């Protein structure tokens, strides 16, 4: 057998397995179009973000959001207390 045919069959098989996984997650997801789509494609998005982090050396979106929220909670509390009526 030609090696290119073996590679093509392997890629198609891998793609089929991923597609079946997405369909199963879609069916088992909670009701609601947005949450179903997010639930079904979440692992693929997570894998893409991990690839980006490893490839570029930068933090991903989730890590950036968590850090921003933590900074806001730490820094924002003092500002609110200073402006609060006594």
N, C-alpha and C. Protein backbone atom coordinates (compact mmCIF):
# COMPACT_ATOMS: atom_id res chain seq x y z
N UNK A 1 0.84 -1.19 0.00
CA UNK A 1 0.00 0.00 0.00
C UNK A 1 0.88 1.25 0.00
N UNK A 2 0.40 2.25 -0.66
CA UNK A 2 1.12 3.51 -0.77
C UNK A 2 1.09 4.25 0.58
N UNK A 3 2.23 4.78 1.06
CA UNK A 3 2.26 5.48 2.36
C UNK A 3 1.34 6.70 2.41
N UNK A 4 1.13 7.37 1.28
CA UNK A 4 0.24 8.54 1.30
C UNK A 4 -1.22 8.13 1.54
N UNK A 5 -1.59 6.97 1.05
CA UNK A 5 -2.95 6.47 1.28
C UNK A 5 -3.13 6.12 2.75
N UNK A 6 -2.11 5.51 3.35
CA UNK A 6 -2.17 5.16 4.77
C UNK A 6 -2.32 6.42 5.62
N UNK A 7 -1.53 7.45 5.29
CA UNK A 7 -1.63 8.72 6.02
C UNK A 7 -2.99 9.37 5.86
N UNK A 8 -3.53 9.33 4.66
CA UNK A 8 -4.85 9.92 4.41
C UNK A 8 -5.93 9.19 5.18
N UNK A 9 -5.88 7.87 5.17
CA UNK A 9 -6.87 7.07 5.91
C UNK A 9 -6.74 7.34 7.41
N UNK A 10 -5.51 7.46 7.90
CA UNK A 10 -5.30 7.72 9.33
C UNK A 10 -5.88 9.10 9.71
N UNK A 11 -5.64 10.11 8.86
CA UNK A 11 -6.18 11.45 9.15
C UNK A 11 -7.70 11.46 9.11
N UNK A 12 -8.28 10.79 8.13
CA UNK A 12 -9.73 10.73 8.04
C UNK A 12 -10.32 9.98 9.24
N UNK A 13 -9.66 8.92 9.67
CA UNK A 13 -10.13 8.19 10.85
C UNK A 13 -10.05 9.04 12.10
N UNK A 14 -8.95 9.76 12.26
CA UNK A 14 -8.81 10.66 13.42
C UNK A 14 -9.89 11.74 13.40
N UNK A 15 -10.14 12.31 12.22
CA UNK A 15 -11.18 13.33 12.10
C UNK A 15 -12.56 12.76 12.42
N UNK A 16 -12.81 11.53 12.00
CA UNK A 16 -14.10 10.89 12.27
C UNK A 16 -14.27 10.66 13.77
N UNK A 17 -13.20 10.26 14.46
CA UNK A 17 -13.28 10.04 15.91
C UNK A 17 -13.58 11.36 16.62
N UNK A 18 -12.93 12.44 16.20
CA UNK A 18 -13.19 13.75 16.81
C UNK A 18 -14.63 14.18 16.55
N UNK A 19 -15.11 13.99 15.32
CA UNK A 19 -16.49 14.36 14.98
C UNK A 19 -17.49 13.57 15.82
N UNK A 20 -17.27 12.28 16.01
CA UNK A 20 -18.16 11.47 16.85
C UNK A 20 -18.15 11.99 18.28
N UNK A 21 -16.98 12.35 18.79
CA UNK A 21 -16.89 12.90 20.14
C UNK A 21 -17.66 14.20 20.29
N UNK A 22 -17.57 15.08 19.30
CA UNK A 22 -18.31 16.34 19.35
C UNK A 22 -19.81 16.07 19.32
N UNK A 23 -20.23 15.15 18.49
CA UNK A 23 -21.67 14.82 18.40
C UNK A 23 -22.17 14.25 19.71
N UNK A 24 -21.40 13.35 20.33
CA UNK A 24 -21.81 12.77 21.61
C UNK A 24 -21.90 13.86 22.68
N UNK A 25 -20.91 14.77 22.73
CA UNK A 25 -20.96 15.87 23.71
C UNK A 25 -22.14 16.79 23.44
N UNK A 26 -22.48 17.00 22.16
CA UNK A 26 -23.63 17.85 21.79
C UNK A 26 -24.92 17.23 22.31
N UNK A 27 -25.07 15.93 22.13
CA UNK A 27 -26.29 15.23 22.56
C UNK A 27 -26.41 15.24 24.08
N UNK A 28 -25.31 15.06 24.79
CA UNK A 28 -25.34 15.00 26.26
C UNK A 28 -25.33 16.37 26.93
N UNK A 29 -25.16 17.43 26.15
CA UNK A 29 -25.07 18.78 26.71
C UNK A 29 -26.42 19.23 27.26
N UNK A 30 -26.38 20.15 28.23
CA UNK A 30 -27.63 20.70 28.74
C UNK A 30 -28.38 21.49 27.67
N UNK A 31 -29.65 21.71 27.87
CA UNK A 31 -30.48 22.41 26.90
C UNK A 31 -30.01 23.85 26.71
N UNK A 32 -30.28 24.39 25.54
CA UNK A 32 -29.88 25.75 25.21
C UNK A 32 -28.82 25.72 24.12
N UNK A 33 -29.04 26.46 23.06
CA UNK A 33 -28.17 26.39 21.89
C UNK A 33 -26.75 26.82 22.23
N UNK A 34 -26.58 27.94 22.92
CA UNK A 34 -25.24 28.43 23.22
C UNK A 34 -24.48 27.47 24.12
N UNK A 35 -25.14 27.02 25.18
CA UNK A 35 -24.43 26.14 26.10
C UNK A 35 -24.11 24.80 25.45
N UNK A 36 -24.96 24.33 24.56
CA UNK A 36 -24.69 23.07 23.87
C UNK A 36 -23.48 23.20 22.96
N UNK A 37 -23.42 24.28 22.22
CA UNK A 37 -22.30 24.49 21.32
C UNK A 37 -21.01 24.64 22.11
N UNK A 38 -21.05 25.42 23.17
CA UNK A 38 -19.87 25.62 24.01
C UNK A 38 -19.44 24.30 24.64
N UNK A 39 -20.40 23.52 25.10
CA UNK A 39 -20.09 22.23 25.72
C UNK A 39 -19.49 21.26 24.70
N UNK A 40 -20.03 21.25 23.50
CA UNK A 40 -19.58 20.30 22.49
C UNK A 40 -18.19 20.64 21.95
N UNK A 41 -17.91 21.92 21.77
CA UNK A 41 -16.64 22.33 21.16
C UNK A 41 -15.60 22.76 22.18
N UNK A 42 -15.92 22.72 23.47
CA UNK A 42 -14.99 23.15 24.51
C UNK A 42 -13.64 22.45 24.49
N UNK A 43 -13.60 21.13 24.37
CA UNK A 43 -12.29 20.46 24.34
C UNK A 43 -11.43 20.87 23.13
N UNK A 44 -12.06 21.13 22.00
CA UNK A 44 -11.30 21.55 20.82
C UNK A 44 -10.74 22.95 21.04
N UNK A 45 -11.55 23.83 21.62
CA UNK A 45 -11.07 25.18 21.91
C UNK A 45 -9.94 25.15 22.94
N UNK A 46 -10.07 24.30 23.94
CA UNK A 46 -9.02 24.17 24.96
C UNK A 46 -7.72 23.65 24.35
N UNK A 47 -7.84 22.71 23.44
CA UNK A 47 -6.64 22.18 22.78
C UNK A 47 -5.99 23.26 21.92
N UNK A 48 -6.80 24.06 21.25
CA UNK A 48 -6.27 25.16 20.44
C UNK A 48 -5.56 26.20 21.29
N UNK A 49 -6.14 26.51 22.44
CA UNK A 49 -5.52 27.48 23.34
C UNK A 49 -4.21 26.93 23.90
N UNK A 50 -4.17 25.67 24.26
CA UNK A 50 -2.93 25.06 24.74
C UNK A 50 -1.85 25.08 23.66
N UNK A 51 -2.24 24.79 22.43
CA UNK A 51 -1.29 24.83 21.32
C UNK A 51 -0.74 26.24 21.15
N UNK A 52 -1.62 27.23 21.24
CA UNK A 52 -1.19 28.62 21.09
C UNK A 52 -0.22 29.00 22.21
N UNK A 53 -0.52 28.60 23.44
CA UNK A 53 0.37 28.90 24.56
C UNK A 53 1.75 28.29 24.34
N UNK A 54 1.78 27.03 23.90
CA UNK A 54 3.06 26.36 23.68
C UNK A 54 3.80 26.93 22.48
N UNK A 55 3.07 27.29 21.45
CA UNK A 55 3.69 27.77 20.21
C UNK A 55 4.23 29.20 20.35
N UNK A 56 3.47 30.08 20.99
CA UNK A 56 3.87 31.48 21.09
C UNK A 56 4.58 31.81 22.39
N UNK A 57 4.40 30.99 23.40
CA UNK A 57 5.02 31.27 24.70
C UNK A 57 4.24 32.29 25.52
N UNK A 58 3.06 32.67 25.06
CA UNK A 58 2.23 33.63 25.77
C UNK A 58 1.11 32.91 26.50
N UNK A 59 0.56 33.60 27.50
CA UNK A 59 -0.57 33.02 28.23
C UNK A 59 -1.80 32.98 27.34
N UNK A 60 -2.68 32.06 27.66
CA UNK A 60 -3.91 31.96 26.91
C UNK A 60 -4.96 32.91 27.44
N UNK A 61 -6.10 32.94 26.79
CA UNK A 61 -7.18 33.85 27.16
C UNK A 61 -7.70 33.58 28.56
N UNK A 62 -7.89 32.32 28.90
CA UNK A 62 -8.44 31.98 30.22
C UNK A 62 -7.50 32.43 31.33
N UNK A 63 -6.21 32.20 31.19
CA UNK A 63 -5.25 32.63 32.20
C UNK A 63 -5.22 34.15 32.32
N UNK A 64 -5.32 34.84 31.19
CA UNK A 64 -5.32 36.31 31.20
C UNK A 64 -6.56 36.85 31.91
N UNK A 65 -7.70 36.25 31.67
CA UNK A 65 -8.94 36.70 32.30
C UNK A 65 -8.89 36.46 33.80
N UNK A 66 -8.40 35.30 34.21
CA UNK A 66 -8.30 34.99 35.65
C UNK A 66 -7.38 35.99 36.34
N UNK A 67 -6.25 36.30 35.72
CA UNK A 67 -5.31 37.26 36.31
C UNK A 67 -5.93 38.66 36.38
N UNK A 68 -6.65 39.07 35.35
CA UNK A 68 -7.28 40.39 35.35
C UNK A 68 -8.33 40.50 36.44
N UNK A 69 -9.12 39.45 36.64
CA UNK A 69 -10.14 39.47 37.68
C UNK A 69 -9.50 39.53 39.06
N UNK A 70 -8.42 38.77 39.25
CA UNK A 70 -7.73 38.80 40.54
C UNK A 70 -7.14 40.17 40.83
N UNK A 71 -6.54 40.80 39.82
CA UNK A 71 -6.00 42.15 40.00
C UNK A 71 -7.10 43.15 40.31
N UNK A 72 -8.24 43.01 39.64
CA UNK A 72 -9.35 43.92 39.87
C UNK A 72 -9.90 43.75 41.28
N UNK A 73 -9.99 42.51 41.75
CA UNK A 73 -10.49 42.27 43.10
C UNK A 73 -9.55 42.82 44.14
N UNK A 74 -8.26 42.70 43.94
CA UNK A 74 -7.28 43.19 44.90
C UNK A 74 -7.18 44.71 44.87
N UNK A 75 -7.08 45.28 43.69
CA UNK A 75 -6.92 46.73 43.57
C UNK A 75 -8.22 47.49 43.69
N UNK A 76 -9.30 46.93 43.24
CA UNK A 76 -10.58 47.63 43.23
C UNK A 76 -11.20 47.78 44.60
N UNK A 77 -10.89 46.90 45.52
CA UNK A 77 -11.48 46.95 46.85
C UNK A 77 -11.08 48.19 47.61
N UNK A 78 -9.83 48.62 47.51
CA UNK A 78 -9.35 49.79 48.23
C UNK A 78 -9.98 51.06 47.66
N UNK A 79 -10.18 51.12 46.37
CA UNK A 79 -10.77 52.31 45.76
C UNK A 79 -12.22 52.46 46.18
N UNK A 80 -12.95 51.37 46.26
CA UNK A 80 -14.35 51.46 46.66
C UNK A 80 -14.47 51.89 48.11
N UNK A 81 -13.58 51.40 48.98
CA UNK A 81 -13.64 51.76 50.37
C UNK A 81 -13.32 53.24 50.57
N UNK A 82 -12.42 53.79 49.77
CA UNK A 82 -12.03 55.20 49.90
C UNK A 82 -13.18 56.11 49.49
N UNK A 83 -13.98 55.68 48.52
CA UNK A 83 -15.08 56.50 48.03
C UNK A 83 -16.38 56.30 48.80
N UNK A 84 -16.42 55.31 49.65
CA UNK A 84 -17.64 54.97 50.37
C UNK A 84 -17.99 56.07 51.39
N UNK A 85 -19.28 56.39 51.50
CA UNK A 85 -19.68 57.40 52.50
C UNK A 85 -19.48 56.88 53.92
N UNK A 86 -19.15 57.80 54.84
CA UNK A 86 -18.92 57.39 56.21
C UNK A 86 -20.00 57.82 57.12
